[in-house]
C-alpha atoms as a PDB file:
ATOM      1  CA  MET A   1     117.268 102.509  98.481  1.00  0.00           C
ATOM      2  CA  ILE A   2     116.972  98.731  98.481  1.00  0.00           C
ATOM      3  CA  VAL A   3     119.701  97.019 100.498  1.00  0.00           C
ATOM      4  CA  ILE A   4     120.667  93.449  99.587  1.00  0.00           C
ATOM      5  CA  ILE A   5     122.131  92.027 102.784  1.00  0.00           C
ATOM      6  CA  ASP A   6     125.462  90.293 102.346  1.00  0.00           C
ATOM      7  CA  TYR A   7     126.015  87.699 105.043  1.00  0.00           C
ATOM      8  CA  GLY A   8     128.139  85.477 102.830  1.00  0.00           C
ATOM      9  CA  MET A   9     125.398  83.157 101.531  1.00  0.00           C
ATOM     10  CA  GLY A  10     123.471  84.270  98.460  1.00  0.00           C
ATOM     11  CA  ASN A  11     123.260  85.071  94.756  1.00  0.00           C
ATOM     12  CA  LEU A  12     123.835  88.747  95.444  1.00  0.00           C
ATOM     13  CA  GLY A  13     125.013  89.855  92.021  1.00  0.00           C
ATOM     14  CA  SER A  14     122.202  88.024  90.251  1.00  0.00           C
ATOM     15  CA  ILE A  15     119.590  89.724  92.428  1.00  0.00           C
ATOM     16  CA  GLN A  16     121.125  93.136  91.865  1.00  0.00           C
ATOM     17  CA  ASN A  17     121.232  92.568  88.100  1.00  0.00           C
ATOM     18  CA  MET A  18     117.554  91.582  88.082  1.00  0.00           C
ATOM     19  CA  LEU A  19     116.690  94.758  89.997  1.00  0.00           C
ATOM     20  CA  LYS A  20     118.639  96.782  87.428  1.00  0.00           C
ATOM     21  CA  LYS A  21     116.479  95.296  84.681  1.00  0.00           C
ATOM     22  CA  VAL A  22     113.358  96.683  86.357  1.00  0.00           C
ATOM     23  CA  GLY A  23     115.014 100.071  86.857  1.00  0.00           C
ATOM     24  CA  VAL A  24     115.632  99.845  90.590  1.00  0.00           C
ATOM     25  CA  LYS A  25     118.882 100.832  92.271  1.00  0.00           C
ATOM     26  CA  SER A  26     120.251  98.696  95.072  1.00  0.00           C
ATOM     27  CA  VAL A  27     123.348  98.259  97.172  1.00  0.00           C
ATOM     28  CA  ILE A  28     124.963  95.037  98.391  1.00  0.00           C
ATOM     29  CA  THR A  29     126.334  95.435 101.897  1.00  0.00           C
ATOM     30  CA  SER A  30     126.854  94.024 105.361  1.00  0.00           C
ATOM     31  CA  GLU A  31     127.610  97.430 106.882  1.00  0.00           C
ATOM     32  CA  ILE A  32     125.205  98.264 109.692  1.00  0.00           C
ATOM     33  CA  SER A  33     125.297 101.993 108.845  1.00  0.00           C
ATOM     34  CA  GLU A  34     124.115 101.232 105.288  1.00  0.00           C
ATOM     35  CA  ILE A  35     121.469  98.743 106.394  1.00  0.00           C
ATOM     36  CA  GLU A  36     120.007 101.350 108.750  1.00  0.00           C
ATOM     37  CA  LYS A  37     119.355 103.666 105.779  1.00  0.00           C
ATOM     38  CA  ALA A  38     117.388 101.069 103.804  1.00  0.00           C
ATOM     39  CA  ASP A  39     113.878 101.794 102.540  1.00  0.00           C
ATOM     40  CA  SER A  40     113.511  98.042 101.987  1.00  0.00           C
ATOM     41  CA  LEU A  41     115.664  94.943 102.345  1.00  0.00           C
ATOM     42  CA  ILE A  42     116.352  91.762 100.417  1.00  0.00           C
ATOM     43  CA  PHE A  43     117.637  88.843 102.440  1.00  0.00           C
ATOM     44  CA  PRO A  44     118.977  86.149 100.090  1.00  0.00           C
ATOM     45  CA  GLY A  45     120.466  82.818 101.012  1.00  0.00           C
ATOM     46  CA  VAL A  46     121.941  79.608  99.648  1.00  0.00           C
ATOM     47  CA  GLY A  47     123.240  76.853 101.909  1.00  0.00           C
ATOM     48  CA  ALA A  48     122.688  75.487 105.404  1.00  0.00           C
ATOM     49  CA  PHE A  49     120.423  77.028 108.048  1.00  0.00           C
ATOM     50  CA  GLY A  50     123.019  76.754 110.829  1.00  0.00           C
ATOM     51  CA  ASN A  51     125.736  78.409 108.782  1.00  0.00           C
ATOM     52  CA  GLY A  52     123.392  81.234 107.840  1.00  0.00           C
ATOM     53  CA  MET A  53     122.493  82.037 111.442  1.00  0.00           C
ATOM     54  CA  LYS A  54     126.139  81.662 112.474  1.00  0.00           C
ATOM     55  CA  ASN A  55     127.218  84.213 109.875  1.00  0.00           C
ATOM     56  CA  ILE A  56     124.498  86.688 110.823  1.00  0.00           C
ATOM     57  CA  SER A  57     125.387  86.384 114.495  1.00  0.00           C
ATOM     58  CA  LYS A  58     129.123  86.673 113.866  1.00  0.00           C
ATOM     59  CA  MET A  59     128.565  89.843 111.843  1.00  0.00           C
ATOM     60  CA  LYS A  60     126.391  91.258 114.675  1.00  0.00           C
ATOM     61  CA  LEU A  61     123.460  91.776 112.312  1.00  0.00           C
ATOM     62  CA  ILE A  62     120.677  90.269 114.429  1.00  0.00           C
ATOM     63  CA  PRO A  63     120.021  93.297 116.697  1.00  0.00           C
ATOM     64  CA  ILE A  64     119.931  95.776 113.801  1.00  0.00           C
ATOM     65  CA  LEU A  65     117.727  93.490 111.700  1.00  0.00           C
ATOM     66  CA  ASN A  66     115.289  93.026 114.588  1.00  0.00           C
ATOM     67  CA  ASN A  67     115.160  96.779 115.073  1.00  0.00           C
ATOM     68  CA  ILE A  68     114.633  97.634 111.405  1.00  0.00           C
ATOM     69  CA  VAL A  69     112.260  94.813 110.489  1.00  0.00           C
ATOM     70  CA  ILE A  70     110.238  94.322 113.673  1.00  0.00           C
ATOM     71  CA  LYS A  71     110.316  97.744 115.330  1.00  0.00           C
ATOM     72  CA  ASN A  72     110.490 100.023 112.253  1.00  0.00           C
ATOM     73  CA  GLU A  73     108.501  97.636 110.007  1.00  0.00           C
ATOM     74  CA  THR A  74     110.829  98.071 107.041  1.00  0.00           C
ATOM     75  CA  PRO A  75     109.732  95.774 104.164  1.00  0.00           C
ATOM     76  CA  ILE A  76     111.959  92.741 103.699  1.00  0.00           C
ATOM     77  CA  LEU A  77     111.994  89.962 101.096  1.00  0.00           C
ATOM     78  CA  GLY A  78     113.627  86.674 102.104  1.00  0.00           C
ATOM     79  CA  ILE A  79     114.770  84.365  99.310  1.00  0.00           C
ATOM     80  CA  CYS A  80     115.222  80.576  99.725  1.00  0.00           C
ATOM     81  CA  LEU A  81     117.425  80.131 102.827  1.00  0.00           C
ATOM     82  CA  GLY A  82     116.700  83.770 103.614  1.00  0.00           C
ATOM     83  CA  MET A  83     113.014  82.899 103.952  1.00  0.00           C
ATOM     84  CA  GLN A  84     113.775  79.832 106.074  1.00  0.00           C
ATOM     85  CA  LEU A  85     115.814  81.924 108.514  1.00  0.00           C
ATOM     86  CA  PHE A  86     112.640  83.910 109.280  1.00  0.00           C
ATOM     87  CA  SER A  87     111.280  80.795 111.056  1.00  0.00           C
ATOM     88  CA  ASN A  88     111.792  79.724 114.675  1.00  0.00           C
ATOM     89  CA  LYS A  89     114.091  76.798 113.986  1.00  0.00           C
ATOM     90  CA  SER A  90     115.122  74.155 111.467  1.00  0.00           C
ATOM     91  CA  GLU A  91     115.601  70.400 111.387  1.00  0.00           C
ATOM     92  CA  GLU A  92     118.905  71.248 109.722  1.00  0.00           C
ATOM     93  CA  GLY A  93     120.885  71.658 112.951  1.00  0.00           C
ATOM     94  CA  ASP A  94     119.875  72.897 116.391  1.00  0.00           C
ATOM     95  CA  VAL A  95     120.297  76.648 115.839  1.00  0.00           C
ATOM     96  CA  LYS A  96     117.433  79.039 116.498  1.00  0.00           C
ATOM     97  CA  GLY A  97     116.145  81.139 113.605  1.00  0.00           C
ATOM     98  CA  LEU A  98     115.184  84.797 113.656  1.00  0.00           C
ATOM     99  CA  GLY A  99     111.664  83.893 114.810  1.00  0.00           C
ATOM    100  CA  TRP A 100     109.883  86.573 112.779  1.00  0.00           C
ATOM    101  CA  ILE A 101     107.389  84.028 111.431  1.00  0.00           C
ATOM    102  CA  ASN A 102     105.846  81.430 113.740  1.00  0.00           C
ATOM    103  CA  ALA A 103     107.054  78.451 111.723  1.00  0.00           C
ATOM    104  CA  GLU A 104     109.559  75.616 111.551  1.00  0.00           C
ATOM    105  CA  THR A 105     111.772  74.574 108.664  1.00  0.00           C
ATOM    106  CA  ILE A 106     111.672  70.834 107.922  1.00  0.00           C
ATOM    107  CA  LYS A 107     113.143  68.477 105.351  1.00  0.00           C
ATOM    108  CA  PHE A 108     110.931  67.018 102.632  1.00  0.00           C
ATOM    109  CA  LYS A 109     109.421  63.739 103.833  1.00  0.00           C
ATOM    110  CA  PHE A 110     107.646  61.459 101.378  1.00  0.00           C
ATOM    111  CA  ASP A 111     105.876  58.764 103.420  1.00  0.00           C
ATOM    112  CA  ASN A 112     103.989  57.362 100.444  1.00  0.00           C
ATOM    113  CA  SER A 113     106.102  54.628  98.838  1.00  0.00           C
ATOM    114  CA  LYS A 114     104.512  55.436  95.479  1.00  0.00           C
ATOM    115  CA  ILE A 115     106.094  58.896  95.491  1.00  0.00           C
ATOM    116  CA  ASP A 116     109.473  58.698  93.803  1.00  0.00           C
ATOM    117  CA  LEU A 117     110.835  62.233  93.905  1.00  0.00           C
ATOM    118  CA  ARG A 118     114.381  63.398  94.336  1.00  0.00           C
ATOM    119  CA  ILE A 119     115.582  65.641  97.110  1.00  0.00           C
ATOM    120  CA  PRO A 120     116.508  68.422  96.649  1.00  0.00           C
ATOM    121  CA  HIS A 121     113.454  69.753  94.836  1.00  0.00           C
ATOM    122  CA  MET A 122     115.262  71.246  91.865  1.00  0.00           C
ATOM    123  CA  GLY A 123     113.914  72.919  88.753  1.00  0.00           C
ATOM    124  CA  TRP A 124     110.877  74.839  87.571  1.00  0.00           C
ATOM    125  CA  ASN A 125     107.539  74.646  89.353  1.00  0.00           C
ATOM    126  CA  THR A 126     104.349  76.680  89.656  1.00  0.00           C
ATOM    127  CA  ILE A 127     102.816  78.409  92.654  1.00  0.00           C
ATOM    128  CA  LYS A 128      99.172  78.600  93.746  1.00  0.00           C
ATOM    129  CA  GLU A 129      98.126  81.794  95.498  1.00  0.00           C
ATOM    130  CA  THR A 130      96.218  81.262  98.746  1.00  0.00           C
ATOM    131  CA  LYS A 131      95.015  84.866  99.057  1.00  0.00           C
ATOM    132  CA  GLU A 132      95.136  88.181  97.257  1.00  0.00           C
ATOM    133  CA  ASP A 133      98.168  90.416  97.734  1.00  0.00           C
ATOM    134  CA  PRO A 134      99.853  93.268  95.799  1.00  0.00           C
ATOM    135  CA  ILE A 135     102.925  91.070  95.352  1.00  0.00           C
ATOM    136  CA  PHE A 136     100.829  89.176  92.764  1.00  0.00           C
ATOM    137  CA  ASN A 137     100.026  92.246  90.626  1.00  0.00           C
ATOM    138  CA  ASN A 138     100.261  91.559  86.886  1.00  0.00           C
ATOM    139  CA  PHE A 139     100.973  87.862  87.449  1.00  0.00           C
ATOM    140  CA  GLN A 140     100.162  85.459  84.667  1.00  0.00           C
ATOM    141  CA  GLU A 141      97.852  82.526  85.350  1.00  0.00           C
ATOM    142  CA  LYS A 142     100.691  80.052  85.800  1.00  0.00           C
ATOM    143  CA  ASN A 143     103.852  81.801  86.866  1.00  0.00           C
ATOM    144  CA  ARG A 144     106.806  79.442  87.006  1.00  0.00           C
ATOM    145  CA  TYR A 145     109.782  79.790  89.322  1.00  0.00           C
ATOM    146  CA  TYR A 146     113.101  78.050  89.803  1.00  0.00           C
ATOM    147  CA  PHE A 147     113.509  76.031  93.012  1.00  0.00           C
ATOM    148  CA  VAL A 148     116.566  74.421  94.627  1.00  0.00           C
ATOM    149  CA  HIS A 149     115.933  73.218  98.194  1.00  0.00           C
ATOM    150  CA  SER A 150     115.730  70.175 100.452  1.00  0.00           C
ATOM    151  CA  TYR A 151     113.927  71.949 103.301  1.00  0.00           C
ATOM    152  CA  HIS A 152     110.713  73.962 103.410  1.00  0.00           C
ATOM    153  CA  VAL A 153     108.833  76.128 105.892  1.00  0.00           C
ATOM    154  CA  VAL A 154     105.775  74.892 107.811  1.00  0.00           C
ATOM    155  CA  CYS A 155     103.737  77.791 109.199  1.00  0.00           C
ATOM    156  CA  ASN A 156     101.914  77.359 112.506  1.00  0.00           C
ATOM    157  CA  ASN A 157      99.522  80.115 111.416  1.00  0.00           C
ATOM    158  CA  LYS A 158      97.951  79.353 108.038  1.00  0.00           C
ATOM    159  CA  GLU A 159      97.281  83.064 107.542  1.00  0.00           C
ATOM    160  CA  ASP A 160     101.018  83.526 107.035  1.00  0.00           C
ATOM    161  CA  ILE A 161     100.964  81.368 103.874  1.00  0.00           C
ATOM    162  CA  LEU A 162     100.795  83.461 100.712  1.00  0.00           C
ATOM    163  CA  ALA A 163     101.224  80.697  98.110  1.00  0.00           C
ATOM    164  CA  LYS A 164     101.760  76.949  97.900  1.00  0.00           C
ATOM    165  CA  THR A 165     103.643  74.669  95.534  1.00  0.00           C
ATOM    166  CA  HIS A 166     103.173  70.935  94.996  1.00  0.00           C
ATOM    167  CA  TYR A 167     106.146  68.590  95.210  1.00  0.00           C
ATOM    168  CA  GLY A 168     104.953  65.264  96.567  1.00  0.00           C
ATOM    169  CA  TYR A 169     102.602  67.348  98.712  1.00  0.00           C
ATOM    170  CA  ASP A 170     101.709  71.022  99.038  1.00  0.00           C
ATOM    171  CA  PHE A 171     104.224  73.199 100.887  1.00  0.00           C
ATOM    172  CA  ALA A 172     104.412  76.928 101.571  1.00  0.00           C
ATOM    173  CA  SER A 173     106.404  78.506  98.758  1.00  0.00           C
ATOM    174  CA  MET A 174     105.553  82.097  99.748  1.00  0.00           C
ATOM    175  CA  ILE A 175     104.870  83.505 103.196  1.00  0.00           C
ATOM    176  CA  LYS A 176     103.942  86.935 104.511  1.00  0.00           C
ATOM    177  CA  ARG A 177     103.329  88.597 107.842  1.00  0.00           C
ATOM    178  CA  ASP A 178     102.888  92.367 107.751  1.00  0.00           C
ATOM    179  CA  ASN A 179     106.104  93.794 106.214  1.00  0.00           C
ATOM    180  CA  ILE A 180     107.858  90.413 106.026  1.00  0.00           C
ATOM    181  CA  ILE A 181     107.677  88.415 102.773  1.00  0.00           C
ATOM    182  CA  GLY A 182     109.482  85.174 101.986  1.00  0.00           C
ATOM    183  CA  VAL A 183     109.797  83.118  98.813  1.00  0.00           C
ATOM    184  CA  GLN A 184     111.241  79.599  98.700  1.00  0.00           C
ATOM    185  CA  PHE A 185     112.164  79.875  95.021  1.00  0.00           C
ATOM    186  CA  HIS A 186     114.824  82.027  93.349  1.00  0.00           C
ATOM    187  CA  PRO A 187     113.289  85.032  91.533  1.00  0.00           C
ATOM    188  CA  GLU A 188     116.765  86.011  90.325  1.00  0.00           C
ATOM    189  CA  LYS A 189     116.861  82.735  88.346  1.00  0.00           C
ATOM    190  CA  SER A 190     113.240  82.816  87.216  1.00  0.00           C
ATOM    191  CA  HIS A 191     113.460  85.091  84.166  1.00  0.00           C
ATOM    192  CA  LYS A 192     110.415  87.252  83.450  1.00  0.00           C
ATOM    193  CA  PHE A 193     108.411  85.732  86.299  1.00  0.00           C
ATOM    194  CA  GLY A 194     111.043  86.580  88.876  1.00  0.00           C
ATOM    195  CA  MET A 195     111.516  90.001  87.354  1.00  0.00           C
ATOM    196  CA  GLN A 196     107.813  90.786  87.794  1.00  0.00           C
ATOM    197  CA  LEU A 197     107.840  89.609  91.393  1.00  0.00           C
ATOM    198  CA  LEU A 198     110.856  91.762  92.263  1.00  0.00           C
ATOM    199  CA  LYS A 199     109.260  94.714  90.497  1.00  0.00           C
ATOM    200  CA  ASN A 200     106.074  94.239  92.525  1.00  0.00           C
ATOM    201  CA  PHE A 201     108.069  94.073  95.747  1.00  0.00           C
ATOM    202  CA  THR A 202     109.832  97.344  94.998  1.00  0.00           C
ATOM    203  CA  GLU A 203     106.542  99.037  94.099  1.00  0.00           C
ATOM    204  CA  ILE A 204     104.645  97.995  97.216  1.00  0.00           C
ATOM    205  CA  CYS A 205     107.551  99.170  99.369  1.00  0.00           C
END
């Protein structure tokens, strides 16, 4: 069973509906007893880094998540803020992240005066794979995904970067370390492209 973790910050229903379309059952929950039974996890998120970590801590989810993800190596997919929370810390506040990926979350910075781009990065954009991975099975040449974010993850280990996207400069739009996968975009808002990615995630689990 796929568990979509409800910590009060995510498009939970949209993700569950997309999973239904690919024939996969899931449950939305914050109950520790249910999370412990998960074959795989989806960790969504919309909003501020500090609020996300505050909610997770308040709900006493950090110890169980560390046990399931790090010790038991249960596959997990982080979406948008969910991916950012995998990092060590963020410029958005002074709260520590989960620290599962050796990375920091920073705000877009366009030093070149010729670059006139709005923040947040909002709308459709493509990704460029940096290495082969089963998550890319049956991908089209130019898969497009829907982004809404002002911050992005900077990995200290380049091997953790799975794909990049260009917005003023290249940033990590997909990351992976062992059983941990993160995507900066919203597959639940990305139509057939997001559907294929979620299907691939469920199959490799």
